[in-house]
Amino acid sequence: MSKKILALHGLAQSGDYFKSKTKGLRNEIEKLGYELVYATAPNSHSPADIPDDIGDVVTSGDDNHVLAWIENDLTNKTYKLPQTSIDYLHEFVIENGPFVGVLGFSQGAGVAGYLMTDFNGLLSLTEEQQPPLHFFMSFSGFRFQPDCYQKQYDDHPIAVPSLHVQGDLDTITEPFKIEALYNSCKPETRTFLKHAGGHYVPNSRGFAKKVVEWLQEVDTE
């Protein structure tokens, strides 16, 4: 039986789109006996309603709506992870899991990083439904910035082995945002990795080899 990894896409993407964009990396990871399972955000928003400070960009060709995990809170001039996303991921894990790890890109990595502070508690999952996760992979991921989330990060630093990937040419998720999520993890379990490209998940065999080597080191069960 393959070991499943939950994959969360970026803003204006979908699970299928993210799957196509991670083909090279996915093929190398699957050679180790893993299966990437791609979720699709349940929220559809107008591009005008997407917060502009979450380290993401609307790349969809559809001007009418985009899919997103996070929604803008216009009343308080901030953003939040809505209950719709929590409920969706709760059901997705029960129906498609359990998972051994989580992989996210951009907004999806930001959501995954927040959830990794207490995955089962935040998603109301029992240990039978979702045993303890082994690792977390963040590509262009960021720490939520609204004040209401800071205590969660501070009180529950991410303890599982985590890989944080930053593109040298990434102008969307700024380095300080990636570093903020990196610093939300316990020092002894976090790893930082750079690639020469921009705001995307690298698919080259050389880069995938680095990810696979890290995965083999941290997931020994």
N, C-alpha and C. Protein backbone atom coordinates (compact mmCIF):
# COMPACT_ATOMS: atom_id res chain seq x y z
N MET A 1 0.85 -1.20 0.00
CA MET A 1 0.00 0.00 0.00
C MET A 1 0.89 1.25 0.00
N SER A 2 0.57 2.19 -0.87
CA SER A 2 1.36 3.41 -0.96
C SER A 2 1.12 4.31 0.24
N LYS A 3 2.12 5.11 0.54
CA LYS A 3 2.01 6.09 1.62
C LYS A 3 1.52 7.40 1.01
N LYS A 4 0.43 7.92 1.53
CA LYS A 4 -0.22 9.07 0.90
C LYS A 4 0.28 10.40 1.46
N ILE A 5 0.46 11.36 0.54
CA ILE A 5 0.84 12.72 0.88
C ILE A 5 -0.28 13.66 0.44
N LEU A 6 -0.79 14.46 1.34
CA LEU A 6 -1.82 15.45 1.02
C LEU A 6 -1.17 16.64 0.33
N ALA A 7 -1.66 17.03 -0.85
CA ALA A 7 -1.09 18.13 -1.62
C ALA A 7 -2.11 19.26 -1.74
N LEU A 8 -1.69 20.47 -1.34
CA LEU A 8 -2.55 21.65 -1.37
C LEU A 8 -2.01 22.68 -2.35
N HIS A 9 -2.82 23.04 -3.31
CA HIS A 9 -2.42 23.93 -4.40
C HIS A 9 -2.39 25.40 -3.99
N GLY A 10 -1.87 26.22 -4.89
CA GLY A 10 -1.83 27.66 -4.67
C GLY A 10 -3.09 28.36 -5.14
N LEU A 11 -3.13 29.65 -4.93
CA LEU A 11 -4.28 30.47 -5.31
C LEU A 11 -4.57 30.36 -6.80
N ALA A 12 -5.86 30.25 -7.13
CA ALA A 12 -6.35 30.22 -8.51
C ALA A 12 -5.96 28.94 -9.25
N GLN A 13 -5.43 27.97 -8.52
CA GLN A 13 -5.16 26.67 -9.10
C GLN A 13 -6.27 25.71 -8.69
N SER A 14 -6.10 24.45 -9.03
CA SER A 14 -6.98 23.37 -8.59
C SER A 14 -6.11 22.17 -8.32
N GLY A 15 -6.69 21.13 -7.76
CA GLY A 15 -5.91 19.93 -7.52
C GLY A 15 -5.35 19.35 -8.81
N ASP A 16 -6.17 19.28 -9.85
CA ASP A 16 -5.73 18.72 -11.12
C ASP A 16 -4.63 19.59 -11.76
N TYR A 17 -4.80 20.90 -11.67
CA TYR A 17 -3.80 21.80 -12.24
C TYR A 17 -2.47 21.64 -11.51
N PHE A 18 -2.53 21.60 -10.18
CA PHE A 18 -1.33 21.45 -9.37
C PHE A 18 -0.66 20.10 -9.65
N LYS A 19 -1.46 19.08 -9.86
CA LYS A 19 -0.92 17.77 -10.20
C LYS A 19 -0.11 17.83 -11.49
N SER A 20 -0.64 18.54 -12.48
CA SER A 20 0.07 18.65 -13.76
C SER A 20 1.35 19.46 -13.64
N LYS A 21 1.35 20.44 -12.73
CA LYS A 21 2.49 21.32 -12.57
C LYS A 21 3.59 20.72 -11.70
N THR A 22 3.31 19.61 -11.06
CA THR A 22 4.30 18.97 -10.19
C THR A 22 4.70 17.60 -10.70
N LYS A 23 4.51 17.37 -11.98
CA LYS A 23 4.70 16.03 -12.54
C LYS A 23 6.11 15.49 -12.29
N GLY A 24 7.12 16.30 -12.57
CA GLY A 24 8.49 15.83 -12.43
C GLY A 24 8.83 15.45 -11.00
N LEU A 25 8.49 16.33 -10.06
CA LEU A 25 8.74 16.06 -8.65
C LEU A 25 7.90 14.88 -8.17
N ARG A 26 6.64 14.85 -8.58
CA ARG A 26 5.73 13.78 -8.17
C ARG A 26 6.25 12.41 -8.62
N ASN A 27 6.75 12.32 -9.85
CA ASN A 27 7.25 11.05 -10.35
C ASN A 27 8.40 10.52 -9.50
N GLU A 28 9.29 11.42 -9.08
CA GLU A 28 10.43 10.99 -8.28
C GLU A 28 9.99 10.57 -6.87
N ILE A 29 9.05 11.31 -6.30
CA ILE A 29 8.56 10.97 -4.96
C ILE A 29 7.81 9.64 -4.99
N GLU A 30 7.03 9.43 -6.06
CA GLU A 30 6.25 8.20 -6.14
C GLU A 30 7.12 6.96 -6.32
N LYS A 31 8.35 7.15 -6.82
CA LYS A 31 9.27 6.03 -6.94
C LYS A 31 9.65 5.46 -5.58
N LEU A 32 9.47 6.27 -4.53
CA LEU A 32 9.77 5.82 -3.17
C LEU A 32 8.58 5.12 -2.51
N GLY A 33 7.47 5.01 -3.25
CA GLY A 33 6.31 4.33 -2.70
C GLY A 33 5.25 5.25 -2.13
N TYR A 34 5.37 6.55 -2.43
CA TYR A 34 4.36 7.52 -1.97
C TYR A 34 3.32 7.76 -3.07
N GLU A 35 2.18 8.28 -2.65
CA GLU A 35 1.13 8.70 -3.58
C GLU A 35 0.70 10.12 -3.19
N LEU A 36 0.82 11.06 -4.10
CA LEU A 36 0.35 12.41 -3.84
C LEU A 36 -1.14 12.50 -4.15
N VAL A 37 -1.90 12.98 -3.18
CA VAL A 37 -3.35 13.10 -3.33
C VAL A 37 -3.69 14.59 -3.30
N TYR A 38 -4.26 15.09 -4.38
CA TYR A 38 -4.45 16.53 -4.57
C TYR A 38 -5.86 16.98 -4.22
N ALA A 39 -5.96 17.85 -3.25
CA ALA A 39 -7.24 18.45 -2.87
C ALA A 39 -7.48 19.72 -3.70
N THR A 40 -8.73 20.14 -3.78
CA THR A 40 -9.09 21.36 -4.49
C THR A 40 -9.87 22.28 -3.56
N ALA A 41 -9.42 23.52 -3.43
CA ALA A 41 -10.04 24.47 -2.52
C ALA A 41 -11.53 24.62 -2.81
N PRO A 42 -12.37 24.69 -1.78
CA PRO A 42 -13.82 24.72 -1.97
C PRO A 42 -14.39 26.11 -2.17
N ASN A 43 -13.56 27.16 -2.06
CA ASN A 43 -14.07 28.52 -2.10
C ASN A 43 -13.79 29.19 -3.44
N SER A 44 -14.83 29.79 -4.01
CA SER A 44 -14.70 30.51 -5.27
C SER A 44 -14.92 31.99 -5.03
N HIS A 45 -13.94 32.81 -5.40
CA HIS A 45 -14.01 34.24 -5.14
C HIS A 45 -13.79 35.06 -6.41
N SER A 46 -14.26 36.28 -6.37
CA SER A 46 -13.88 37.24 -7.39
C SER A 46 -12.44 37.64 -7.17
N PRO A 47 -11.65 37.84 -8.24
CA PRO A 47 -10.26 38.27 -8.05
C PRO A 47 -10.14 39.51 -7.17
N ALA A 48 -11.15 40.39 -7.21
CA ALA A 48 -11.11 41.62 -6.41
C ALA A 48 -11.20 41.34 -4.92
N ASP A 49 -11.69 40.15 -4.56
CA ASP A 49 -11.87 39.80 -3.15
C ASP A 49 -10.69 39.04 -2.57
N ILE A 50 -9.64 38.86 -3.36
CA ILE A 50 -8.47 38.12 -2.89
C ILE A 50 -7.54 39.08 -2.16
N PRO A 51 -7.16 38.78 -0.92
CA PRO A 51 -6.25 39.66 -0.19
C PRO A 51 -4.92 39.80 -0.91
N ASP A 52 -4.37 41.00 -0.88
CA ASP A 52 -3.16 41.27 -1.66
C ASP A 52 -1.88 41.15 -0.85
N ASP A 53 -1.97 40.68 0.39
CA ASP A 53 -0.77 40.63 1.23
C ASP A 53 -0.46 39.22 1.72
N ILE A 54 -0.96 38.19 1.02
CA ILE A 54 -0.76 36.83 1.50
C ILE A 54 0.31 36.09 0.71
N GLY A 55 1.10 36.83 -0.06
CA GLY A 55 2.18 36.18 -0.77
C GLY A 55 1.69 35.30 -1.89
N ASP A 56 0.71 35.77 -2.64
CA ASP A 56 0.15 34.97 -3.71
C ASP A 56 -0.27 35.90 -4.85
N VAL A 57 -0.63 35.32 -5.96
CA VAL A 57 -1.03 36.12 -7.12
C VAL A 57 -2.08 35.34 -7.90
N VAL A 58 -3.03 36.07 -8.45
CA VAL A 58 -4.06 35.44 -9.26
C VAL A 58 -3.49 35.17 -10.65
N THR A 59 -3.38 33.89 -11.00
CA THR A 59 -2.79 33.52 -12.28
C THR A 59 -3.80 32.87 -13.21
N SER A 60 -5.02 32.72 -12.74
CA SER A 60 -6.04 32.05 -13.53
C SER A 60 -6.46 32.91 -14.72
N GLY A 61 -6.83 32.23 -15.81
CA GLY A 61 -7.33 32.95 -16.97
C GLY A 61 -8.80 33.28 -16.86
N ASP A 62 -9.43 32.82 -15.81
CA ASP A 62 -10.86 33.05 -15.60
C ASP A 62 -11.04 34.34 -14.79
N ASP A 63 -11.60 35.37 -15.42
CA ASP A 63 -11.77 36.66 -14.75
C ASP A 63 -12.96 36.67 -13.80
N ASN A 64 -13.79 35.64 -13.84
CA ASN A 64 -15.01 35.65 -13.04
C ASN A 64 -14.82 35.11 -11.63
N HIS A 65 -13.97 34.12 -11.48
CA HIS A 65 -13.77 33.56 -10.15
C HIS A 65 -12.44 32.83 -10.08
N VAL A 66 -11.92 32.73 -8.86
CA VAL A 66 -10.71 31.95 -8.62
C VAL A 66 -10.96 31.08 -7.39
N LEU A 67 -10.29 29.95 -7.35
CA LEU A 67 -10.38 29.06 -6.20
C LEU A 67 -9.33 29.46 -5.17
N ALA A 68 -9.72 29.44 -3.91
CA ALA A 68 -8.80 29.85 -2.85
C ALA A 68 -9.12 29.13 -1.55
N TRP A 69 -8.08 28.89 -0.75
CA TRP A 69 -8.26 28.33 0.58
C TRP A 69 -8.60 29.43 1.59
N ILE A 70 -8.06 30.61 1.34
CA ILE A 70 -8.19 31.75 2.27
C ILE A 70 -9.17 32.75 1.68
N GLU A 71 -9.87 33.48 2.55
CA GLU A 71 -10.76 34.52 2.05
C GLU A 71 -10.48 35.84 2.76
N ASN A 72 -10.74 36.91 2.06
CA ASN A 72 -10.55 38.24 2.59
C ASN A 72 -11.65 38.57 3.60
N ASP A 73 -11.27 39.19 4.70
CA ASP A 73 -12.21 39.67 5.70
C ASP A 73 -12.30 41.18 5.53
N LEU A 74 -13.24 41.61 4.69
CA LEU A 74 -13.33 43.03 4.35
C LEU A 74 -13.68 43.89 5.55
N THR A 75 -14.47 43.35 6.45
CA THR A 75 -14.89 44.13 7.62
C THR A 75 -13.70 44.53 8.48
N ASN A 76 -12.80 43.59 8.68
CA ASN A 76 -11.65 43.84 9.55
C ASN A 76 -10.36 44.12 8.78
N LYS A 77 -10.49 44.22 7.46
CA LYS A 77 -9.35 44.52 6.59
C LYS A 77 -8.20 43.55 6.83
N THR A 78 -8.53 42.28 6.82
CA THR A 78 -7.53 41.24 7.02
C THR A 78 -7.96 40.01 6.21
N TYR A 79 -7.43 38.84 6.54
CA TYR A 79 -7.87 37.62 5.88
C TYR A 79 -7.97 36.51 6.90
N LYS A 80 -8.63 35.43 6.49
CA LYS A 80 -8.85 34.33 7.42
C LYS A 80 -8.94 33.01 6.65
N LEU A 81 -8.74 31.92 7.40
CA LEU A 81 -9.00 30.59 6.88
C LEU A 81 -10.44 30.26 7.23
N PRO A 82 -11.34 30.25 6.26
CA PRO A 82 -12.77 30.11 6.57
C PRO A 82 -13.13 28.69 7.00
N GLN A 83 -14.26 28.58 7.65
CA GLN A 83 -14.74 27.27 8.11
C GLN A 83 -14.99 26.33 6.94
N THR A 84 -15.33 26.88 5.78
CA THR A 84 -15.55 26.03 4.61
C THR A 84 -14.30 25.24 4.26
N SER A 85 -13.13 25.87 4.39
CA SER A 85 -11.87 25.17 4.10
C SER A 85 -11.58 24.12 5.17
N ILE A 86 -11.82 24.47 6.42
CA ILE A 86 -11.62 23.53 7.52
C ILE A 86 -12.51 22.31 7.34
N ASP A 87 -13.80 22.55 7.08
CA ASP A 87 -14.75 21.45 6.92
C ASP A 87 -14.39 20.56 5.72
N TYR A 88 -14.00 21.20 4.64
CA TYR A 88 -13.64 20.46 3.43
C TYR A 88 -12.44 19.56 3.70
N LEU A 89 -11.40 20.10 4.33
CA LEU A 89 -10.20 19.32 4.58
C LEU A 89 -10.45 18.21 5.60
N HIS A 90 -11.32 18.47 6.57
CA HIS A 90 -11.72 17.43 7.52
C HIS A 90 -12.29 16.22 6.78
N GLU A 91 -13.23 16.48 5.90
CA GLU A 91 -13.86 15.40 5.14
C GLU A 91 -12.88 14.77 4.15
N PHE A 92 -12.03 15.60 3.55
CA PHE A 92 -11.08 15.09 2.55
C PHE A 92 -10.11 14.10 3.18
N VAL A 93 -9.64 14.42 4.38
CA VAL A 93 -8.71 13.51 5.06
C VAL A 93 -9.41 12.20 5.41
N ILE A 94 -10.63 12.29 5.90
CA ILE A 94 -11.37 11.07 6.27
C ILE A 94 -11.63 10.20 5.03
N GLU A 95 -11.98 10.83 3.92
CA GLU A 95 -12.35 10.08 2.73
C GLU A 95 -11.14 9.59 1.92
N ASN A 96 -10.03 10.32 1.99
CA ASN A 96 -8.89 10.01 1.11
C ASN A 96 -7.62 9.62 1.85
N GLY A 97 -7.60 9.80 3.17
CA GLY A 97 -6.42 9.48 3.96
C GLY A 97 -6.45 8.05 4.48
N PRO A 98 -5.67 7.78 5.52
CA PRO A 98 -4.83 8.75 6.22
C PRO A 98 -3.57 9.10 5.43
N PHE A 99 -2.91 10.17 5.85
CA PHE A 99 -1.72 10.67 5.17
C PHE A 99 -0.49 10.55 6.07
N VAL A 100 0.67 10.45 5.41
CA VAL A 100 1.92 10.43 6.17
C VAL A 100 2.59 11.80 6.17
N GLY A 101 2.20 12.66 5.23
CA GLY A 101 2.79 13.98 5.14
C GLY A 101 1.92 14.94 4.37
N VAL A 102 2.33 16.20 4.37
CA VAL A 102 1.60 17.25 3.66
C VAL A 102 2.59 18.05 2.82
N LEU A 103 2.19 18.34 1.58
CA LEU A 103 2.97 19.16 0.66
C LEU A 103 2.09 20.31 0.20
N GLY A 104 2.62 21.54 0.25
CA GLY A 104 1.83 22.68 -0.18
C GLY A 104 2.64 23.66 -0.99
N PHE A 105 1.95 24.41 -1.83
CA PHE A 105 2.57 25.47 -2.63
C PHE A 105 1.88 26.79 -2.36
N SER A 106 2.65 27.81 -2.06
CA SER A 106 2.17 29.17 -1.91
C SER A 106 1.02 29.25 -0.90
N GLN A 107 -0.18 29.65 -1.32
CA GLN A 107 -1.29 29.73 -0.37
C GLN A 107 -1.57 28.37 0.26
N GLY A 108 -1.47 27.31 -0.53
CA GLY A 108 -1.67 25.97 0.01
C GLY A 108 -0.63 25.61 1.06
N ALA A 109 0.61 26.06 0.86
CA ALA A 109 1.66 25.82 1.85
C ALA A 109 1.44 26.66 3.10
N GLY A 110 0.90 27.87 2.91
CA GLY A 110 0.57 28.70 4.07
C GLY A 110 -0.50 28.05 4.92
N VAL A 111 -1.53 27.53 4.27
CA VAL A 111 -2.60 26.83 4.99
C VAL A 111 -2.05 25.58 5.67
N ALA A 112 -1.26 24.82 4.93
CA ALA A 112 -0.68 23.59 5.49
C ALA A 112 0.19 23.91 6.69
N GLY A 113 0.99 24.97 6.60
CA GLY A 113 1.85 25.34 7.71
C GLY A 113 1.08 25.68 8.96
N TYR A 114 0.00 26.41 8.79
CA TYR A 114 -0.85 26.73 9.95
C TYR A 114 -1.44 25.45 10.54
N LEU A 115 -1.95 24.59 9.68
CA LEU A 115 -2.55 23.35 10.17
C LEU A 115 -1.53 22.45 10.85
N MET A 116 -0.28 22.50 10.42
CA MET A 116 0.73 21.62 10.99
C MET A 116 1.05 21.97 12.44
N THR A 117 0.60 23.12 12.92
CA THR A 117 0.80 23.45 14.34
C THR A 117 -0.03 22.53 15.23
N ASP A 118 -1.14 22.02 14.71
CA ASP A 118 -1.99 21.05 15.44
C ASP A 118 -2.98 20.47 14.43
N PHE A 119 -2.49 19.63 13.55
CA PHE A 119 -3.27 19.16 12.41
C PHE A 119 -4.59 18.54 12.84
N ASN A 120 -4.53 17.58 13.73
CA ASN A 120 -5.75 16.88 14.13
C ASN A 120 -6.68 17.77 14.94
N GLY A 121 -6.12 18.61 15.79
CA GLY A 121 -6.95 19.49 16.60
C GLY A 121 -7.68 20.53 15.76
N LEU A 122 -6.97 21.16 14.83
CA LEU A 122 -7.58 22.22 14.01
C LEU A 122 -8.59 21.65 13.01
N LEU A 123 -8.40 20.40 12.59
CA LEU A 123 -9.33 19.78 11.64
C LEU A 123 -10.30 18.82 12.32
N SER A 124 -10.29 18.78 13.66
CA SER A 124 -11.21 17.93 14.43
C SER A 124 -11.16 16.48 13.97
N LEU A 125 -9.94 15.95 13.93
CA LEU A 125 -9.73 14.56 13.52
C LEU A 125 -9.22 13.75 14.70
N THR A 126 -9.68 12.52 14.79
CA THR A 126 -9.17 11.62 15.81
C THR A 126 -7.86 11.00 15.31
N GLU A 127 -7.09 10.42 16.23
CA GLU A 127 -5.85 9.77 15.82
C GLU A 127 -6.12 8.55 14.98
N GLU A 128 -7.28 7.94 15.15
CA GLU A 128 -7.66 6.81 14.31
C GLU A 128 -7.93 7.27 12.88
N GLN A 129 -8.56 8.43 12.74
CA GLN A 129 -8.84 8.98 11.41
C GLN A 129 -7.57 9.47 10.74
N GLN A 130 -6.66 10.06 11.51
CA GLN A 130 -5.41 10.58 10.98
C GLN A 130 -4.30 10.41 12.01
N PRO A 131 -3.50 9.35 11.88
CA PRO A 131 -2.36 9.17 12.78
C PRO A 131 -1.37 10.32 12.65
N PRO A 132 -0.44 10.46 13.59
CA PRO A 132 0.53 11.56 13.53
C PRO A 132 1.27 11.63 12.20
N LEU A 133 1.37 12.82 11.66
CA LEU A 133 2.05 13.03 10.38
C LEU A 133 3.56 12.92 10.57
N HIS A 134 4.25 12.53 9.49
CA HIS A 134 5.69 12.33 9.56
C HIS A 134 6.48 13.55 9.08
N PHE A 135 5.91 14.36 8.17
CA PHE A 135 6.70 15.46 7.58
C PHE A 135 5.79 16.47 6.90
N PHE A 136 6.41 17.61 6.56
CA PHE A 136 5.72 18.73 5.90
C PHE A 136 6.68 19.36 4.89
N MET A 137 6.20 19.55 3.65
CA MET A 137 7.00 20.18 2.59
C MET A 137 6.31 21.46 2.13
N SER A 138 7.01 22.57 2.25
CA SER A 138 6.45 23.88 1.92
C SER A 138 7.22 24.52 0.77
N PHE A 139 6.53 24.80 -0.32
CA PHE A 139 7.11 25.49 -1.47
C PHE A 139 6.52 26.90 -1.53
N SER A 140 7.36 27.91 -1.32
CA SER A 140 6.90 29.31 -1.30
C SER A 140 5.79 29.51 -0.27
N GLY A 141 5.90 28.82 0.85
CA GLY A 141 4.89 28.93 1.90
C GLY A 141 5.17 30.07 2.86
N PHE A 142 4.13 30.54 3.54
CA PHE A 142 4.25 31.69 4.44
C PHE A 142 3.48 31.45 5.73
N ARG A 143 3.82 32.21 6.75
CA ARG A 143 3.09 32.20 8.02
C ARG A 143 1.95 33.20 7.93
N PHE A 144 0.76 32.77 8.39
CA PHE A 144 -0.37 33.71 8.42
C PHE A 144 0.03 34.95 9.21
N GLN A 145 -0.34 36.11 8.71
CA GLN A 145 0.05 37.36 9.36
C GLN A 145 -0.97 37.97 10.32
N PRO A 146 -2.28 37.73 10.16
CA PRO A 146 -3.23 38.33 11.10
C PRO A 146 -2.93 37.98 12.55
N ASP A 147 -3.17 38.94 13.43
CA ASP A 147 -2.85 38.78 14.86
C ASP A 147 -3.53 37.56 15.47
N CYS A 148 -4.73 37.24 15.00
CA CYS A 148 -5.50 36.16 15.63
C CYS A 148 -4.85 34.79 15.49
N TYR A 149 -3.87 34.65 14.58
CA TYR A 149 -3.23 33.36 14.37
C TYR A 149 -1.90 33.22 15.10
N GLN A 150 -1.37 34.32 15.60
CA GLN A 150 0.01 34.28 16.10
C GLN A 150 0.18 33.40 17.33
N LYS A 151 -0.79 33.39 18.21
CA LYS A 151 -0.68 32.57 19.42
C LYS A 151 -0.59 31.09 19.07
N GLN A 152 -1.33 30.68 18.05
CA GLN A 152 -1.30 29.28 17.64
C GLN A 152 0.11 28.87 17.21
N TYR A 153 0.74 29.71 16.38
CA TYR A 153 2.11 29.40 15.95
C TYR A 153 3.08 29.42 17.13
N ASP A 154 2.94 30.44 17.98
CA ASP A 154 3.89 30.61 19.08
C ASP A 154 3.77 29.51 20.13
N ASP A 155 2.54 29.07 20.40
CA ASP A 155 2.31 28.06 21.43
C ASP A 155 2.51 26.63 20.91
N HIS A 156 2.44 26.47 19.59
CA HIS A 156 2.54 25.12 19.00
C HIS A 156 3.51 25.11 17.82
N PRO A 157 4.79 25.30 18.08
CA PRO A 157 5.74 25.27 16.96
C PRO A 157 5.67 23.93 16.22
N ILE A 158 5.83 23.99 14.92
CA ILE A 158 5.74 22.79 14.10
C ILE A 158 6.89 21.85 14.46
N ALA A 159 6.55 20.62 14.85
CA ALA A 159 7.55 19.72 15.40
C ALA A 159 7.98 18.62 14.42
N VAL A 160 7.17 18.35 13.40
CA VAL A 160 7.56 17.29 12.46
C VAL A 160 8.66 17.83 11.53
N PRO A 161 9.48 16.97 10.94
CA PRO A 161 10.47 17.44 9.98
C PRO A 161 9.81 18.25 8.87
N SER A 162 10.38 19.41 8.59
CA SER A 162 9.78 20.29 7.58
C SER A 162 10.84 20.76 6.59
N LEU A 163 10.44 20.86 5.33
CA LEU A 163 11.31 21.34 4.25
C LEU A 163 10.70 22.62 3.71
N HIS A 164 11.47 23.70 3.67
CA HIS A 164 10.99 25.00 3.22
C HIS A 164 11.79 25.42 1.99
N VAL A 165 11.09 25.56 0.86
CA VAL A 165 11.74 25.81 -0.41
C VAL A 165 11.43 27.22 -0.90
N GLN A 166 12.47 27.94 -1.27
CA GLN A 166 12.33 29.32 -1.74
C GLN A 166 13.01 29.47 -3.09
N GLY A 167 12.36 30.16 -4.03
CA GLY A 167 12.96 30.45 -5.31
C GLY A 167 13.74 31.76 -5.27
N ASP A 168 14.95 31.75 -5.79
CA ASP A 168 15.76 32.97 -5.79
C ASP A 168 15.09 34.11 -6.54
N LEU A 169 14.28 33.78 -7.53
CA LEU A 169 13.63 34.80 -8.36
C LEU A 169 12.15 34.97 -8.01
N ASP A 170 11.73 34.43 -6.88
CA ASP A 170 10.34 34.52 -6.46
C ASP A 170 10.05 35.93 -5.94
N THR A 171 9.22 36.66 -6.67
CA THR A 171 8.84 38.01 -6.24
C THR A 171 7.43 38.04 -5.66
N ILE A 172 6.80 36.88 -5.57
CA ILE A 172 5.43 36.80 -5.06
C ILE A 172 5.42 36.55 -3.56
N THR A 173 6.03 35.45 -3.13
CA THR A 173 6.19 35.20 -1.70
C THR A 173 7.55 35.73 -1.29
N GLU A 174 7.55 36.85 -0.60
CA GLU A 174 8.81 37.50 -0.24
C GLU A 174 9.58 36.67 0.77
N PRO A 175 10.91 36.76 0.75
CA PRO A 175 11.74 35.93 1.62
C PRO A 175 11.36 36.02 3.10
N PHE A 176 11.00 37.21 3.59
CA PHE A 176 10.70 37.33 5.02
C PHE A 176 9.45 36.53 5.40
N LYS A 177 8.53 36.35 4.44
CA LYS A 177 7.33 35.56 4.72
C LYS A 177 7.66 34.07 4.80
N ILE A 178 8.55 33.63 3.91
CA ILE A 178 8.99 32.24 3.94
C ILE A 178 9.77 31.97 5.22
N GLU A 179 10.63 32.92 5.60
CA GLU A 179 11.42 32.77 6.82
C GLU A 179 10.53 32.73 8.06
N ALA A 180 9.42 33.46 8.03
CA ALA A 180 8.50 33.47 9.17
C ALA A 180 7.91 32.09 9.41
N LEU A 181 7.56 31.39 8.33
CA LEU A 181 7.04 30.02 8.49
C LEU A 181 8.17 29.08 8.92
N TYR A 182 9.33 29.26 8.33
CA TYR A 182 10.50 28.46 8.72
C TYR A 182 10.79 28.61 10.21
N ASN A 183 10.69 29.82 10.70
CA ASN A 183 10.95 30.09 12.11
C ASN A 183 9.81 29.66 13.03
N SER A 184 8.71 29.21 12.44
CA SER A 184 7.59 28.68 13.22
C SER A 184 7.78 27.19 13.50
N CYS A 185 8.89 26.65 13.03
CA CYS A 185 9.19 25.23 13.22
C CYS A 185 10.33 25.07 14.23
N LYS A 186 10.36 23.94 14.88
CA LYS A 186 11.43 23.68 15.83
C LYS A 186 12.77 23.62 15.08
N PRO A 187 13.80 24.29 15.60
CA PRO A 187 15.08 24.38 14.89
C PRO A 187 15.68 23.04 14.50
N GLU A 188 15.50 22.03 15.33
CA GLU A 188 16.14 20.75 15.08
C GLU A 188 15.44 19.93 14.00
N THR A 189 14.27 20.37 13.56
CA THR A 189 13.51 19.58 12.58
C THR A 189 13.33 20.28 11.24
N ARG A 190 13.78 21.51 11.09
CA ARG A 190 13.50 22.27 9.87
C ARG A 190 14.72 22.29 8.92
N THR A 191 14.42 22.33 7.63
CA THR A 191 15.45 22.37 6.59
C THR A 191 15.06 23.43 5.57
N PHE A 192 16.03 24.23 5.14
CA PHE A 192 15.80 25.30 4.16
C PHE A 192 16.51 24.95 2.86
N LEU A 193 15.81 25.13 1.75
CA LEU A 193 16.37 24.77 0.45
C LEU A 193 15.98 25.83 -0.58
N LYS A 194 16.95 26.24 -1.40
CA LYS A 194 16.68 27.24 -2.44
C LYS A 194 16.80 26.62 -3.82
N HIS A 195 16.07 27.23 -4.76
CA HIS A 195 16.24 26.87 -6.17
C HIS A 195 16.40 28.15 -6.96
N ALA A 196 16.87 28.03 -8.17
CA ALA A 196 17.26 29.21 -8.95
C ALA A 196 16.09 29.89 -9.66
N GLY A 197 14.89 29.31 -9.56
CA GLY A 197 13.75 29.83 -10.30
C GLY A 197 12.88 30.78 -9.51
N GLY A 198 11.63 30.91 -9.98
CA GLY A 198 10.69 31.86 -9.40
C GLY A 198 9.63 31.20 -8.55
N HIS A 199 8.38 31.68 -8.73
CA HIS A 199 7.26 31.27 -7.89
C HIS A 199 6.59 30.02 -8.46
N TYR A 200 7.23 28.88 -8.24
CA TYR A 200 6.68 27.61 -8.72
C TYR A 200 7.39 26.47 -8.00
N VAL A 201 6.85 25.27 -8.17
CA VAL A 201 7.49 24.07 -7.63
C VAL A 201 8.42 23.52 -8.70
N PRO A 202 9.72 23.49 -8.45
CA PRO A 202 10.66 23.01 -9.46
C PRO A 202 10.44 21.53 -9.79
N ASN A 203 10.60 21.20 -11.06
CA ASN A 203 10.39 19.82 -11.50
C ASN A 203 11.64 19.17 -12.06
N SER A 204 12.76 19.87 -12.04
CA SER A 204 13.98 19.29 -12.62
C SER A 204 14.41 18.07 -11.81
N ARG A 205 15.05 17.14 -12.48
CA ARG A 205 15.48 15.91 -11.81
C ARG A 205 16.51 16.21 -10.72
N GLY A 206 17.37 17.19 -10.98
CA GLY A 206 18.38 17.55 -9.99
C GLY A 206 17.77 18.06 -8.70
N PHE A 207 16.77 18.91 -8.84
CA PHE A 207 16.12 19.44 -7.63
C PHE A 207 15.29 18.36 -6.96
N ALA A 208 14.57 17.59 -7.75
CA ALA A 208 13.75 16.52 -7.19
C ALA A 208 14.61 15.56 -6.39
N LYS A 209 15.84 15.33 -6.83
CA LYS A 209 16.74 14.43 -6.12
C LYS A 209 17.02 14.95 -4.71
N LYS A 210 17.17 16.28 -4.57
CA LYS A 210 17.42 16.87 -3.25
C LYS A 210 16.21 16.65 -2.33
N VAL A 211 15.01 16.81 -2.88
CA VAL A 211 13.80 16.61 -2.09
C VAL A 211 13.68 15.15 -1.67
N VAL A 212 13.94 14.25 -2.60
CA VAL A 212 13.84 12.81 -2.32
C VAL A 212 14.86 12.41 -1.26
N GLU A 213 16.07 12.95 -1.34
CA GLU A 213 17.10 12.62 -0.34
C GLU A 213 16.66 13.07 1.04
N TRP A 214 16.08 14.27 1.11
CA TRP A 214 15.57 14.76 2.39
C TRP A 214 14.45 13.86 2.91
N LEU A 215 13.56 13.47 2.02
CA LEU A 215 12.43 12.63 2.40
C LEU A 215 12.90 11.28 2.93
N GLN A 216 13.90 10.73 2.30
CA GLN A 216 14.42 9.43 2.75
C GLN A 216 15.07 9.54 4.13
N GLU A 217 15.62 10.70 4.43
CA GLU A 217 16.27 10.90 5.72
C GLU A 217 15.26 11.06 6.85
N VAL A 218 14.15 11.75 6.57
CA VAL A 218 13.23 12.09 7.66
C VAL A 218 12.09 11.09 7.84
N ASP A 219 11.72 10.39 6.78
CA ASP A 219 10.61 9.44 6.89
C ASP A 219 11.15 8.03 6.81
N THR A 220 11.55 7.51 7.95
CA THR A 220 12.21 6.21 7.98
C THR A 220 11.29 5.07 8.38
N GLU A 221 10.02 5.38 8.65
CA GLU A 221 9.09 4.32 9.07
C GLU A 221 8.59 3.51 7.89
